C-alpha atoms as a PDB file:
ATOM      1  CA  MET A   1      16.526  49.005  32.322  1.00  0.00           C
ATOM      2  CA  ILE A   2      17.261  45.449  33.393  1.00  0.00           C
ATOM      3  CA  LYS A   3      18.072  43.159  30.489  1.00  0.00           C
ATOM      4  CA  SER A   4      16.615  39.695  30.567  1.00  0.00           C
ATOM      5  CA  THR A   5      19.218  36.980  31.034  1.00  0.00           C
ATOM      6  CA  MET A   6      16.703  34.269  30.241  1.00  0.00           C
ATOM      7  CA  LYS A   7      18.005  31.941  27.561  1.00  0.00           C
ATOM      8  CA  ASN A   8      15.950  30.373  24.836  1.00  0.00           C
ATOM      9  CA  PRO A   9      14.447  27.163  26.180  1.00  0.00           C
ATOM     10  CA  SER A  10      16.311  23.989  25.270  1.00  0.00           C
ATOM     11  CA  LEU A  11      14.497  21.123  23.590  1.00  0.00           C
ATOM     12  CA  ILE A  12      14.518  17.509  24.715  1.00  0.00           C
ATOM     13  CA  LEU A  13      13.262  14.904  22.262  1.00  0.00           C
ATOM     14  CA  ALA A  14      11.574  12.144  24.267  1.00  0.00           C
ATOM     15  CA  SER A  15      12.122   9.546  21.550  1.00  0.00           C
ATOM     16  CA  ALA A  16      14.833   7.206  20.334  1.00  0.00           C
ATOM     17  CA  SER A  17      13.431   7.306  16.794  1.00  0.00           C
ATOM     18  CA  PRO A  18      16.102   8.258  14.238  1.00  0.00           C
ATOM     19  CA  ARG A  19      13.257   9.165  11.865  1.00  0.00           C
ATOM     20  CA  ARG A  20      11.888  11.833  14.221  1.00  0.00           C
ATOM     21  CA  LEU A  21      15.374  13.262  14.671  1.00  0.00           C
ATOM     22  CA  ALA A  22      15.847  13.389  10.883  1.00  0.00           C
ATOM     23  CA  LEU A  23      12.449  15.036  10.400  1.00  0.00           C
ATOM     24  CA  LEU A  24      13.309  17.745  12.940  1.00  0.00           C
ATOM     25  CA  ALA A  25      16.617  18.302  11.117  1.00  0.00           C
ATOM     26  CA  GLN A  26      14.616  18.883   7.909  1.00  0.00           C
ATOM     27  CA  ILE A  27      13.070  21.963   9.527  1.00  0.00           C
ATOM     28  CA  GLY A  28      16.351  23.123  11.065  1.00  0.00           C
ATOM     29  CA  ILE A  29      15.715  21.998  14.631  1.00  0.00           C
ATOM     30  CA  THR A  30      18.269  20.038  16.650  1.00  0.00           C
ATOM     31  CA  PRO A  31      17.288  18.889  20.155  1.00  0.00           C
ATOM     32  CA  SER A  32      19.783  19.651  22.899  1.00  0.00           C
ATOM     33  CA  GLN A  33      19.175  16.159  24.293  1.00  0.00           C
ATOM     34  CA  ILE A  34      17.527  12.909  23.246  1.00  0.00           C
ATOM     35  CA  ILE A  35      16.032  11.061  26.203  1.00  0.00           C
ATOM     36  CA  PRO A  36      13.586   8.234  25.397  1.00  0.00           C
ATOM     37  CA  ALA A  37      10.789   7.826  27.921  1.00  0.00           C
ATOM     38  CA  ASN A  38      10.925   4.473  29.670  1.00  0.00           C
ATOM     39  CA  ILE A  39       7.200   3.761  30.054  1.00  0.00           C
ATOM     40  CA  ASP A  40       4.838   0.830  29.610  1.00  0.00           C
ATOM     41  CA  GLU A  41       3.466   1.088  26.066  1.00  0.00           C
ATOM     42  CA  SER A  42       0.874  -1.678  26.340  1.00  0.00           C
ATOM     43  CA  PRO A  43      -2.550  -0.741  24.941  1.00  0.00           C
ATOM     44  CA  ARG A  44      -5.445  -0.977  27.382  1.00  0.00           C
ATOM     45  CA  LYS A  45      -8.248  -3.416  26.714  1.00  0.00           C
ATOM     46  CA  SER A  46     -10.543  -2.094  23.938  1.00  0.00           C
ATOM     47  CA  GLU A  47      -8.545   1.163  23.733  1.00  0.00           C
ATOM     48  CA  ALA A  48      -9.172   2.951  20.423  1.00  0.00           C
ATOM     49  CA  PRO A  49      -6.084   3.813  18.313  1.00  0.00           C
ATOM     50  CA  ARG A  50      -6.573   7.590  18.680  1.00  0.00           C
ATOM     51  CA  ASP A  51      -6.978   7.326  22.474  1.00  0.00           C
ATOM     52  CA  TYR A  52      -3.964   5.049  22.818  1.00  0.00           C
ATOM     53  CA  THR A  53      -1.764   7.317  20.694  1.00  0.00           C
ATOM     54  CA  ARG A  54      -2.744  10.437  22.648  1.00  0.00           C
ATOM     55  CA  ARG A  55      -2.175   8.676  25.970  1.00  0.00           C
ATOM     56  CA  MET A  56       1.258   7.427  24.938  1.00  0.00           C
ATOM     57  CA  ALA A  57       2.465  10.844  23.777  1.00  0.00           C
ATOM     58  CA  ARG A  58       1.184  12.501  26.963  1.00  0.00           C
ATOM     59  CA  GLU A  59       2.734   9.842  29.228  1.00  0.00           C
ATOM     60  CA  LYS A  60       6.092  10.117  27.448  1.00  0.00           C
ATOM     61  CA  ALA A  61       6.091  13.904  27.794  1.00  0.00           C
ATOM     62  CA  THR A  62       5.021  13.716  31.435  1.00  0.00           C
ATOM     63  CA  TYR A  63       7.719  11.165  32.287  1.00  0.00           C
ATOM     64  CA  ILE A  64      10.543  13.342  30.913  1.00  0.00           C
ATOM     65  CA  ALA A  65       9.038  16.652  32.084  1.00  0.00           C
ATOM     66  CA  ALA A  66       9.059  15.364  35.669  1.00  0.00           C
ATOM     67  CA  GLN A  67      12.856  15.085  35.442  1.00  0.00           C
ATOM     68  CA  PHE A  68      13.485  18.215  33.352  1.00  0.00           C
ATOM     69  CA  PRO A  69      10.751  20.731  34.233  1.00  0.00           C
ATOM     70  CA  ASP A  70      12.632  23.742  32.821  1.00  0.00           C
ATOM     71  CA  ASN A  71      13.009  22.301  29.323  1.00  0.00           C
ATOM     72  CA  VAL A  72      10.673  22.042  26.378  1.00  0.00           C
ATOM     73  CA  ILE A  73       9.850  18.348  25.960  1.00  0.00           C
ATOM     74  CA  LEU A  74       8.739  16.975  22.605  1.00  0.00           C
ATOM     75  CA  ALA A  75       7.086  13.560  22.707  1.00  0.00           C
ATOM     76  CA  ALA A  76       5.205  11.725  20.001  1.00  0.00           C
ATOM     77  CA  ASP A  77       3.620   8.376  19.345  1.00  0.00           C
ATOM     78  CA  THR A  78       2.728   6.869  15.970  1.00  0.00           C
ATOM     79  CA  VAL A  79       0.259   4.041  15.432  1.00  0.00           C
ATOM     80  CA  VAL A  80      -0.795   2.180  12.303  1.00  0.00           C
ATOM     81  CA  ALA A  81      -4.372   0.943  12.587  1.00  0.00           C
ATOM     82  CA  CYS A  82      -6.777  -1.146  10.566  1.00  0.00           C
ATOM     83  CA  GLY A  83     -10.184  -0.089  11.819  1.00  0.00           C
ATOM     84  CA  ARG A  84      -9.906  -0.210  15.618  1.00  0.00           C
ATOM     85  CA  ARG A  85      -7.037  -2.697  15.523  1.00  0.00           C
ATOM     86  CA  ILE A  86      -3.628  -1.330  16.483  1.00  0.00           C
ATOM     87  CA  LEU A  87      -0.911  -3.031  14.457  1.00  0.00           C
ATOM     88  CA  PRO A  88       2.280  -3.880  16.352  1.00  0.00           C
ATOM     89  CA  LYS A  89       5.810  -2.690  15.727  1.00  0.00           C
ATOM     90  CA  ALA A  90       7.406  -5.420  13.658  1.00  0.00           C
ATOM     91  CA  ASP A  91      10.316  -6.931  15.545  1.00  0.00           C
ATOM     92  CA  ASP A  92      10.463 -10.170  13.561  1.00  0.00           C
ATOM     93  CA  GLU A  93       9.732 -11.383  10.032  1.00  0.00           C
ATOM     94  CA  LYS A  94       6.582 -13.232  11.031  1.00  0.00           C
ATOM     95  CA  THR A  95       5.008 -10.086  12.514  1.00  0.00           C
ATOM     96  CA  ALA A  96       6.048  -7.952   9.531  1.00  0.00           C
ATOM     97  CA  LYS A  97       4.561 -10.438   7.060  1.00  0.00           C
ATOM     98  CA  LYS A  98       1.314 -10.642   9.042  1.00  0.00           C
ATOM     99  CA  CYS A  99       1.027  -6.833   9.041  1.00  0.00           C
ATOM    100  CA  LEU A 100       1.616  -6.593   5.288  1.00  0.00           C
ATOM    101  CA  GLN A 101      -0.966  -9.306   4.615  1.00  0.00           C
ATOM    102  CA  MET A 102      -3.474  -7.404   6.752  1.00  0.00           C
ATOM    103  CA  LEU A 103      -2.779  -4.051   5.044  1.00  0.00           C
ATOM    104  CA  GLU A 104      -2.591  -5.149   1.430  1.00  0.00           C
ATOM    105  CA  GLY A 105      -5.579  -4.275  -0.725  1.00  0.00           C
ATOM    106  CA  ARG A 106      -7.090  -2.125   2.052  1.00  0.00           C
ATOM    107  CA  ARG A 107      -7.182   1.390   3.422  1.00  0.00           C
ATOM    108  CA  HIS A 108      -5.776   2.107   6.847  1.00  0.00           C
ATOM    109  CA  ARG A 109      -4.951   5.057   9.087  1.00  0.00           C
ATOM    110  CA  VAL A 110      -1.748   6.302  10.657  1.00  0.00           C
ATOM    111  CA  TYR A 111      -2.192   8.312  13.863  1.00  0.00           C
ATOM    112  CA  THR A 112       0.539  10.451  15.371  1.00  0.00           C
ATOM    113  CA  ALA A 113      -0.045  12.263  18.626  1.00  0.00           C
ATOM    114  CA  VAL A 114       2.373  15.088  19.403  1.00  0.00           C
ATOM    115  CA  CYS A 115       2.657  16.329  22.983  1.00  0.00           C
ATOM    116  CA  ILE A 116       4.875  19.227  24.030  1.00  0.00           C
ATOM    117  CA  SER A 117       5.496  20.085  27.667  1.00  0.00           C
ATOM    118  CA  HIS A 118       6.470  23.711  28.315  1.00  0.00           C
ATOM    119  CA  ASP A 119       6.228  25.829  31.457  1.00  0.00           C
ATOM    120  CA  GLY A 120       4.080  23.249  33.201  1.00  0.00           C
ATOM    121  CA  LYS A 121       1.546  23.150  30.370  1.00  0.00           C
ATOM    122  CA  TYR A 122       0.877  20.513  27.741  1.00  0.00           C
ATOM    123  CA  HIS A 123       0.216  21.296  24.085  1.00  0.00           C
ATOM    124  CA  GLU A 124      -1.249  18.371  22.170  1.00  0.00           C
ATOM    125  CA  LYS A 125      -2.209  17.581  18.603  1.00  0.00           C
ATOM    126  CA  LEU A 126      -3.441  14.400  16.932  1.00  0.00           C
ATOM    127  CA  VAL A 127      -2.806  14.057  13.201  1.00  0.00           C
ATOM    128  CA  ILE A 128      -4.430  11.340  11.089  1.00  0.00           C
ATOM    129  CA  THR A 129      -3.343  10.236   7.623  1.00  0.00           C
ATOM    130  CA  GLN A 130      -5.295   7.771   5.496  1.00  0.00           C
ATOM    131  CA  LEU A 131      -3.537   5.472   3.064  1.00  0.00           C
ATOM    132  CA  ALA A 132      -4.384   2.660   0.680  1.00  0.00           C
ATOM    133  CA  PHE A 133      -2.170  -0.338  -0.010  1.00  0.00           C
ATOM    134  CA  LYS A 134      -2.381  -2.043  -3.373  1.00  0.00           C
ATOM    135  CA  ARG A 135      -2.793  -5.802  -3.522  1.00  0.00           C
ATOM    136  CA  LEU A 136       0.601  -7.398  -3.031  1.00  0.00           C
ATOM    137  CA  THR A 137       1.987 -10.518  -4.633  1.00  0.00           C
ATOM    138  CA  GLN A 138       3.702 -13.124  -2.494  1.00  0.00           C
ATOM    139  CA  LYS A 139       6.981 -12.168  -4.218  1.00  0.00           C
ATOM    140  CA  GLU A 140       6.523  -8.477  -3.309  1.00  0.00           C
ATOM    141  CA  ILE A 141       5.952  -9.386   0.326  1.00  0.00           C
ATOM    142  CA  GLU A 142       8.936 -11.740   0.427  1.00  0.00           C
ATOM    143  CA  THR A 143      11.208  -9.191  -1.281  1.00  0.00           C
ATOM    144  CA  TYR A 144      10.154  -6.537   1.202  1.00  0.00           C
ATOM    145  CA  ILE A 145      10.826  -8.844   4.137  1.00  0.00           C
ATOM    146  CA  VAL A 146      14.344  -9.496   2.786  1.00  0.00           C
ATOM    147  CA  SER A 147      14.942  -5.705   2.537  1.00  0.00           C
ATOM    148  CA  GLY A 148      14.728  -5.391   6.334  1.00  0.00           C
ATOM    149  CA  GLU A 149      13.057  -1.968   6.055  1.00  0.00           C
ATOM    150  CA  TRP A 150      10.194  -3.189   8.254  1.00  0.00           C
ATOM    151  CA  GLN A 151      12.361  -3.717  11.342  1.00  0.00           C
ATOM    152  CA  GLY A 152      10.979  -1.822  14.326  1.00  0.00           C
ATOM    153  CA  LYS A 153       8.364  -0.055  12.212  1.00  0.00           C
ATOM    154  CA  ALA A 154       4.740   0.318  13.287  1.00  0.00           C
ATOM    155  CA  GLY A 155       2.575  -1.758  10.985  1.00  0.00           C
ATOM    156  CA  GLY A 156       5.604  -3.499   9.516  1.00  0.00           C
ATOM    157  CA  TYR A 157       6.497  -0.929   6.867  1.00  0.00           C
ATOM    158  CA  ALA A 158       8.366   2.329   6.301  1.00  0.00           C
ATOM    159  CA  ILE A 159       6.766   4.679   3.768  1.00  0.00           C
ATOM    160  CA  GLN A 160      10.134   6.352   3.147  1.00  0.00           C
ATOM    161  CA  GLY A 161      11.490   3.404   1.199  1.00  0.00           C
ATOM    162  CA  VAL A 162      10.408   0.493  -1.002  1.00  0.00           C
ATOM    163  CA  ALA A 163       6.973   0.382   0.664  1.00  0.00           C
ATOM    164  CA  GLU A 164       6.097   3.689  -0.997  1.00  0.00           C
ATOM    165  CA  THR A 165       5.563   1.621  -4.171  1.00  0.00           C
ATOM    166  CA  PHE A 166       2.770  -0.224  -2.317  1.00  0.00           C
ATOM    167  CA  ILE A 167       0.803   2.982  -1.667  1.00  0.00           C
ATOM    168  CA  PRO A 168      -1.182   4.356  -4.634  1.00  0.00           C
ATOM    169  CA  TRP A 169      -3.236   6.747  -2.491  1.00  0.00           C
ATOM    170  CA  ILE A 170      -2.587   8.928   0.544  1.00  0.00           C
ATOM    171  CA  SER A 171      -4.729  11.604   2.161  1.00  0.00           C
ATOM    172  CA  GLY A 172      -3.037  13.815   4.722  1.00  0.00           C
ATOM    173  CA  SER A 173       0.464  14.405   6.015  1.00  0.00           C
ATOM    174  CA  TYR A 174       3.278  12.288   4.561  1.00  0.00           C
ATOM    175  CA  SER A 175       5.680  13.180   7.398  1.00  0.00           C
ATOM    176  CA  ASN A 176       3.005  11.995   9.832  1.00  0.00           C
ATOM    177  CA  VAL A 177       3.386   8.488   8.405  1.00  0.00           C
ATOM    178  CA  VAL A 178       7.168   8.714   8.793  1.00  0.00           C
ATOM    179  CA  GLY A 179       6.656   9.542  12.470  1.00  0.00           C
ATOM    180  CA  LEU A 180       6.192  13.288  13.042  1.00  0.00           C
ATOM    181  CA  PRO A 181       3.753  15.673  11.305  1.00  0.00           C
ATOM    182  CA  LEU A 182       6.095  18.544  10.497  1.00  0.00           C
ATOM    183  CA  ALA A 183       3.618  21.353   9.795  1.00  0.00           C
ATOM    184  CA  GLU A 184       1.856  20.883  13.115  1.00  0.00           C
ATOM    185  CA  THR A 185       5.017  20.156  15.116  1.00  0.00           C
ATOM    186  CA  SER A 186       6.838  23.208  13.725  1.00  0.00           C
ATOM    187  CA  THR A 187       3.931  25.482  14.692  1.00  0.00           C
ATOM    188  CA  MET A 188       3.683  24.014  18.192  1.00  0.00           C
ATOM    189  CA  LEU A 189       7.427  24.302  18.819  1.00  0.00           C
ATOM    190  CA  GLY A 190       7.443  27.873  17.549  1.00  0.00           C
ATOM    191  CA  GLN A 191       4.755  28.780  20.084  1.00  0.00           C
ATOM    192  CA  CYS A 192       7.086  27.434  22.795  1.00  0.00           C
ATOM    193  CA  GLY A 193      10.051  29.484  21.570  1.00  0.00           C
ATOM    194  CA  ILE A 194      11.781  26.669  19.679  1.00  0.00           C
ATOM    195  CA  LYS A 195      12.668  27.868  16.191  1.00  0.00           C
ATOM    196  CA  PRO A 196      15.350  27.027  13.610  1.00  0.00           C
END
């Protein structure tokens, strides 16, 4: 009998997000490589949040899979949206403050699309979490801006920090809001031979 010499597939995380890496570590998975996909992430005109998120995850996975076809590629994209409006990643205080002012006292959705490339096939899942922000005082907003937690975060906040005190209600996956829905991602990776 000939023994198989095929190794377990190695995982490439197509993201520079330290939060996604930390979430994978929570479930005992360490990518063999981290290679962010260098793609244009501009939304198309009138593109709905769910469509944009799915497209981004697929394009990221496709970009890396073209270079590493024998690996399992994990790509994801997370969007914070008010209605059909996609909120930006906050790269400056002005943007972060504008996002917080838009979110406060309202419900919004966080979409994360997960796309895994394996053996020339794509496995995709869109996870949606609904949240409500309480009404914020000017002091709460200013204090949060000073904290710096908003930097580089979609929608100008990170749920895994001070901003959790702004959220009295959540429906759906918490880890989805952080940047990677763990239940769904773990199942998908397992189906591709990636296990702790």
